Amino acid sequence: MIEINSKERKLLEKAAHDIQPVVIVGGAGVTDGVIQMVETSLAAHELIKIKYNEYKDEKIELTDEICQKCDATLVRIIGNVAILFRQAEKEEDRKYL
């Protein structure tokens, strides 16, 4: 998990504005399938959104759990949507930072 400063956070928030949520947390909660989907999406896109249809009261704790398991950085939670970032391993694949 990398640390991002406020300038980088603003840049990532702006880039995430037009992105649709790719992972939905529903009635089953944060399952292995959700974690696998987050892993796959972060590997492909670096910057993703997760929408909470259920567990809205626990979204901060669940997002922290997802970030720890996927080695991702929380950019921001806006409403019931969390924005996550994980930098690509190869420098030529990096799109944002």
N, C-alpha and C. Protein backbone atom coordinates (compact mmCIF):
# COMPACT_ATOMS: atom_id res chain seq x y z
N MET A 1 0.85 -1.17 0.00
CA MET A 1 0.00 0.00 0.00
C MET A 1 0.90 1.24 0.00
N ILE A 2 0.66 2.11 -0.96
CA ILE A 2 1.48 3.32 -1.04
C ILE A 2 0.76 4.48 -0.35
N GLU A 3 1.54 5.41 0.12
CA GLU A 3 0.99 6.62 0.72
C GLU A 3 0.83 7.67 -0.39
N ILE A 4 -0.31 8.33 -0.39
CA ILE A 4 -0.52 9.39 -1.37
C ILE A 4 -0.76 10.71 -0.63
N ASN A 5 -0.23 11.77 -1.19
CA ASN A 5 -0.42 13.08 -0.56
C ASN A 5 -1.71 13.72 -1.07
N SER A 6 -2.04 14.88 -0.56
CA SER A 6 -3.32 15.51 -0.91
C SER A 6 -3.38 15.90 -2.39
N LYS A 7 -2.26 16.28 -2.96
CA LYS A 7 -2.23 16.63 -4.39
C LYS A 7 -2.52 15.41 -5.25
N GLU A 8 -1.88 14.28 -4.91
CA GLU A 8 -2.12 13.04 -5.65
C GLU A 8 -3.55 12.56 -5.44
N ARG A 9 -4.06 12.71 -4.22
CA ARG A 9 -5.44 12.31 -3.92
C ARG A 9 -6.43 13.07 -4.79
N LYS A 10 -6.23 14.39 -4.92
CA LYS A 10 -7.11 15.22 -5.76
C LYS A 10 -7.03 14.77 -7.23
N LEU A 11 -5.83 14.47 -7.69
CA LEU A 11 -5.64 14.01 -9.07
C LEU A 11 -6.40 12.70 -9.31
N LEU A 12 -6.28 11.78 -8.36
CA LEU A 12 -6.96 10.49 -8.49
C LEU A 12 -8.48 10.64 -8.39
N GLU A 13 -8.95 11.52 -7.51
CA GLU A 13 -10.39 11.76 -7.41
C GLU A 13 -10.94 12.30 -8.72
N LYS A 14 -10.21 13.23 -9.32
CA LYS A 14 -10.63 13.81 -10.59
C LYS A 14 -10.67 12.73 -11.69
N ALA A 15 -9.65 11.87 -11.71
CA ALA A 15 -9.60 10.81 -12.71
C ALA A 15 -10.72 9.79 -12.50
N ALA A 16 -11.15 9.60 -11.25
CA ALA A 16 -12.18 8.61 -10.94
C ALA A 16 -13.59 9.12 -11.19
N HIS A 17 -13.73 10.41 -11.43
CA HIS A 17 -15.05 11.01 -11.56
C HIS A 17 -15.94 10.29 -12.58
N ASP A 18 -15.41 9.97 -13.74
CA ASP A 18 -16.21 9.37 -14.82
C ASP A 18 -16.19 7.84 -14.80
N ILE A 19 -15.51 7.25 -13.84
CA ILE A 19 -15.43 5.79 -13.75
C ILE A 19 -16.69 5.25 -13.09
N GLN A 20 -17.23 4.19 -13.66
CA GLN A 20 -18.38 3.52 -13.05
C GLN A 20 -17.89 2.48 -12.05
N PRO A 21 -18.66 2.19 -10.98
CA PRO A 21 -18.25 1.15 -10.03
C PRO A 21 -18.15 -0.21 -10.72
N VAL A 22 -17.04 -0.91 -10.49
CA VAL A 22 -16.84 -2.22 -11.11
C VAL A 22 -17.11 -3.36 -10.14
N VAL A 23 -17.13 -3.05 -8.84
CA VAL A 23 -17.39 -4.06 -7.82
C VAL A 23 -18.55 -3.57 -6.97
N ILE A 24 -19.52 -4.46 -6.75
CA ILE A 24 -20.68 -4.15 -5.93
C ILE A 24 -20.66 -5.05 -4.71
N VAL A 25 -20.75 -4.46 -3.52
CA VAL A 25 -20.85 -5.24 -2.29
C VAL A 25 -22.33 -5.34 -1.95
N GLY A 26 -22.86 -6.57 -2.02
CA GLY A 26 -24.27 -6.79 -1.79
C GLY A 26 -24.53 -7.51 -0.48
N GLY A 27 -25.58 -8.29 -0.45
CA GLY A 27 -26.02 -8.97 0.76
C GLY A 27 -25.04 -9.95 1.34
N ALA A 28 -24.17 -10.52 0.51
CA ALA A 28 -23.21 -11.51 1.00
C ALA A 28 -22.01 -10.85 1.68
N GLY A 29 -21.85 -9.55 1.52
CA GLY A 29 -20.73 -8.85 2.16
C GLY A 29 -19.44 -9.00 1.36
N VAL A 30 -18.33 -8.88 2.06
CA VAL A 30 -17.01 -8.98 1.42
C VAL A 30 -16.59 -10.45 1.42
N THR A 31 -16.88 -11.11 0.31
CA THR A 31 -16.56 -12.53 0.16
C THR A 31 -15.23 -12.68 -0.58
N ASP A 32 -14.77 -13.92 -0.70
CA ASP A 32 -13.56 -14.18 -1.49
C ASP A 32 -13.75 -13.77 -2.94
N GLY A 33 -14.97 -13.91 -3.45
CA GLY A 33 -15.27 -13.49 -4.82
C GLY A 33 -15.12 -11.99 -5.00
N VAL A 34 -15.56 -11.22 -4.01
CA VAL A 34 -15.42 -9.76 -4.06
C VAL A 34 -13.94 -9.38 -4.05
N ILE A 35 -13.18 -10.02 -3.17
CA ILE A 35 -11.74 -9.75 -3.08
C ILE A 35 -11.06 -10.08 -4.41
N GLN A 36 -11.42 -11.22 -5.01
CA GLN A 36 -10.83 -11.61 -6.29
C GLN A 36 -11.19 -10.62 -7.39
N MET A 37 -12.43 -10.14 -7.37
CA MET A 37 -12.86 -9.16 -8.38
C MET A 37 -12.10 -7.84 -8.21
N VAL A 38 -11.89 -7.41 -6.97
CA VAL A 38 -11.11 -6.19 -6.70
C VAL A 38 -9.68 -6.37 -7.19
N GLU A 39 -9.08 -7.51 -6.88
CA GLU A 39 -7.70 -7.81 -7.34
C GLU A 39 -7.60 -7.71 -8.86
N THR A 40 -8.51 -8.37 -9.55
CA THR A 40 -8.51 -8.39 -11.01
C THR A 40 -8.71 -6.98 -11.58
N SER A 41 -9.65 -6.25 -11.01
CA SER A 41 -9.95 -4.90 -11.49
C SER A 41 -8.78 -3.94 -11.26
N LEU A 42 -8.15 -4.03 -10.08
CA LEU A 42 -7.00 -3.17 -9.80
C LEU A 42 -5.83 -3.49 -10.73
N ALA A 43 -5.63 -4.76 -11.02
CA ALA A 43 -4.54 -5.15 -11.92
C ALA A 43 -4.78 -4.59 -13.33
N ALA A 44 -6.04 -4.53 -13.73
CA ALA A 44 -6.36 -4.06 -15.07
C ALA A 44 -6.44 -2.54 -15.18
N HIS A 45 -6.95 -1.88 -14.12
CA HIS A 45 -7.27 -0.46 -14.24
C HIS A 45 -6.51 0.46 -13.29
N GLU A 46 -5.92 -0.04 -12.24
CA GLU A 46 -5.23 0.75 -11.20
C GLU A 46 -6.19 1.53 -10.30
N LEU A 47 -7.20 2.15 -10.86
CA LEU A 47 -8.12 3.00 -10.12
C LEU A 47 -9.54 2.45 -10.32
N ILE A 48 -10.22 2.10 -9.21
CA ILE A 48 -11.56 1.51 -9.34
C ILE A 48 -12.49 2.12 -8.29
N LYS A 49 -13.78 1.87 -8.51
CA LYS A 49 -14.79 2.26 -7.53
C LYS A 49 -15.51 1.00 -7.06
N ILE A 50 -15.83 0.99 -5.76
CA ILE A 50 -16.61 -0.09 -5.16
C ILE A 50 -17.88 0.53 -4.61
N LYS A 51 -19.03 -0.01 -5.01
CA LYS A 51 -20.31 0.51 -4.54
C LYS A 51 -20.87 -0.42 -3.47
N TYR A 52 -21.35 0.17 -2.40
CA TYR A 52 -21.97 -0.58 -1.30
C TYR A 52 -23.48 -0.48 -1.41
N ASN A 53 -24.12 -1.59 -1.83
CA ASN A 53 -25.58 -1.65 -1.84
C ASN A 53 -26.10 -2.10 -0.48
N GLU A 54 -25.31 -2.87 0.23
CA GLU A 54 -25.62 -3.33 1.58
C GLU A 54 -24.43 -2.95 2.47
N TYR A 55 -24.57 -3.15 3.76
CA TYR A 55 -23.48 -2.88 4.73
C TYR A 55 -23.00 -1.44 4.65
N LYS A 56 -23.91 -0.52 4.41
CA LYS A 56 -23.53 0.89 4.26
C LYS A 56 -22.96 1.47 5.55
N ASP A 57 -23.42 0.96 6.70
CA ASP A 57 -22.92 1.47 7.98
C ASP A 57 -21.51 0.99 8.27
N GLU A 58 -21.10 -0.14 7.68
CA GLU A 58 -19.77 -0.71 7.91
C GLU A 58 -18.81 -0.46 6.76
N LYS A 59 -19.15 0.44 5.85
CA LYS A 59 -18.35 0.61 4.63
C LYS A 59 -16.90 1.01 4.91
N ILE A 60 -16.65 1.79 5.95
CA ILE A 60 -15.28 2.21 6.24
C ILE A 60 -14.44 1.01 6.67
N GLU A 61 -14.99 0.19 7.58
CA GLU A 61 -14.26 -0.99 8.05
C GLU A 61 -14.08 -2.00 6.93
N LEU A 62 -15.12 -2.21 6.11
CA LEU A 62 -15.02 -3.16 5.01
C LEU A 62 -14.03 -2.70 3.95
N THR A 63 -14.01 -1.40 3.69
CA THR A 63 -13.06 -0.86 2.71
C THR A 63 -11.62 -1.02 3.21
N ASP A 64 -11.40 -0.78 4.50
CA ASP A 64 -10.06 -0.99 5.09
C ASP A 64 -9.64 -2.44 4.95
N GLU A 65 -10.57 -3.36 5.18
CA GLU A 65 -10.28 -4.80 5.04
C GLU A 65 -9.90 -5.14 3.60
N ILE A 66 -10.66 -4.61 2.65
CA ILE A 66 -10.38 -4.86 1.23
C ILE A 66 -9.00 -4.29 0.87
N CYS A 67 -8.71 -3.08 1.33
CA CYS A 67 -7.42 -2.45 1.03
C CYS A 67 -6.26 -3.27 1.57
N GLN A 68 -6.39 -3.79 2.78
CA GLN A 68 -5.33 -4.61 3.36
C GLN A 68 -5.13 -5.90 2.59
N LYS A 69 -6.22 -6.56 2.22
CA LYS A 69 -6.13 -7.84 1.51
C LYS A 69 -5.60 -7.68 0.09
N CYS A 70 -5.89 -6.55 -0.53
CA CYS A 70 -5.51 -6.33 -1.93
C CYS A 70 -4.31 -5.41 -2.09
N ASP A 71 -3.73 -4.96 -0.99
CA ASP A 71 -2.59 -4.05 -1.02
C ASP A 71 -2.93 -2.79 -1.84
N ALA A 72 -4.12 -2.25 -1.57
CA ALA A 72 -4.59 -1.06 -2.28
C ALA A 72 -4.62 0.13 -1.33
N THR A 73 -4.75 1.32 -1.90
CA THR A 73 -4.83 2.55 -1.12
C THR A 73 -6.22 3.15 -1.29
N LEU A 74 -6.83 3.52 -0.17
CA LEU A 74 -8.12 4.19 -0.22
C LEU A 74 -7.89 5.65 -0.61
N VAL A 75 -8.53 6.06 -1.69
CA VAL A 75 -8.44 7.46 -2.11
C VAL A 75 -9.48 8.27 -1.35
N ARG A 76 -10.73 7.83 -1.39
CA ARG A 76 -11.80 8.53 -0.69
C ARG A 76 -13.07 7.69 -0.73
N ILE A 77 -13.92 7.89 0.27
CA ILE A 77 -15.26 7.33 0.27
C ILE A 77 -16.22 8.49 0.09
N ILE A 78 -17.01 8.43 -0.95
CA ILE A 78 -18.00 9.47 -1.23
C ILE A 78 -19.37 8.78 -1.26
N GLY A 79 -20.21 9.13 -0.30
CA GLY A 79 -21.52 8.47 -0.21
C GLY A 79 -21.31 7.00 0.10
N ASN A 80 -21.84 6.14 -0.76
CA ASN A 80 -21.69 4.69 -0.61
C ASN A 80 -20.74 4.11 -1.64
N VAL A 81 -19.83 4.94 -2.13
CA VAL A 81 -18.86 4.50 -3.14
C VAL A 81 -17.44 4.78 -2.63
N ALA A 82 -16.60 3.74 -2.68
CA ALA A 82 -15.20 3.88 -2.28
C ALA A 82 -14.33 3.89 -3.52
N ILE A 83 -13.34 4.76 -3.54
CA ILE A 83 -12.38 4.84 -4.65
C ILE A 83 -11.08 4.23 -4.15
N LEU A 84 -10.60 3.20 -4.86
CA LEU A 84 -9.36 2.51 -4.49
C LEU A 84 -8.33 2.65 -5.58
N PHE A 85 -7.06 2.69 -5.19
CA PHE A 85 -5.95 2.82 -6.13
C PHE A 85 -4.84 1.85 -5.75
N ARG A 86 -4.29 1.20 -6.75
CA ARG A 86 -3.07 0.40 -6.58
C ARG A 86 -2.23 0.58 -7.83
N GLN A 87 -1.04 1.11 -7.64
CA GLN A 87 -0.16 1.41 -8.76
C GLN A 87 0.28 0.12 -9.45
N ALA A 88 0.33 0.17 -10.78
CA ALA A 88 0.78 -0.98 -11.56
C ALA A 88 2.24 -1.27 -11.25
N GLU A 89 2.59 -2.56 -11.26
CA GLU A 89 3.96 -2.95 -10.93
C GLU A 89 4.96 -2.48 -11.99
N LYS A 90 4.60 -2.63 -13.25
CA LYS A 90 5.49 -2.21 -14.33
C LYS A 90 5.28 -0.73 -14.61
N GLU A 91 6.39 -0.01 -14.71
CA GLU A 91 6.30 1.44 -14.90
C GLU A 91 5.58 1.82 -16.19
N GLU A 92 5.77 1.02 -17.25
CA GLU A 92 5.13 1.36 -18.54
C GLU A 92 3.61 1.13 -18.50
N ASP A 93 3.09 0.39 -17.50
CA ASP A 93 1.66 0.14 -17.39
C ASP A 93 0.96 1.19 -16.52
N ARG A 94 1.71 2.08 -15.90
CA ARG A 94 1.12 3.06 -14.97
C ARG A 94 0.37 4.15 -15.74
N LYS A 95 -0.84 4.43 -15.28
CA LYS A 95 -1.68 5.41 -15.95
C LYS A 95 -1.80 6.71 -15.17
N TYR A 96 -1.60 6.67 -13.86
CA TYR A 96 -1.92 7.83 -13.04
C TYR A 96 -0.71 8.46 -12.35
N LEU A 97 -0.07 7.77 -11.44
CA LEU A 97 1.04 8.38 -10.68
C LEU A 97 2.38 7.84 -11.09
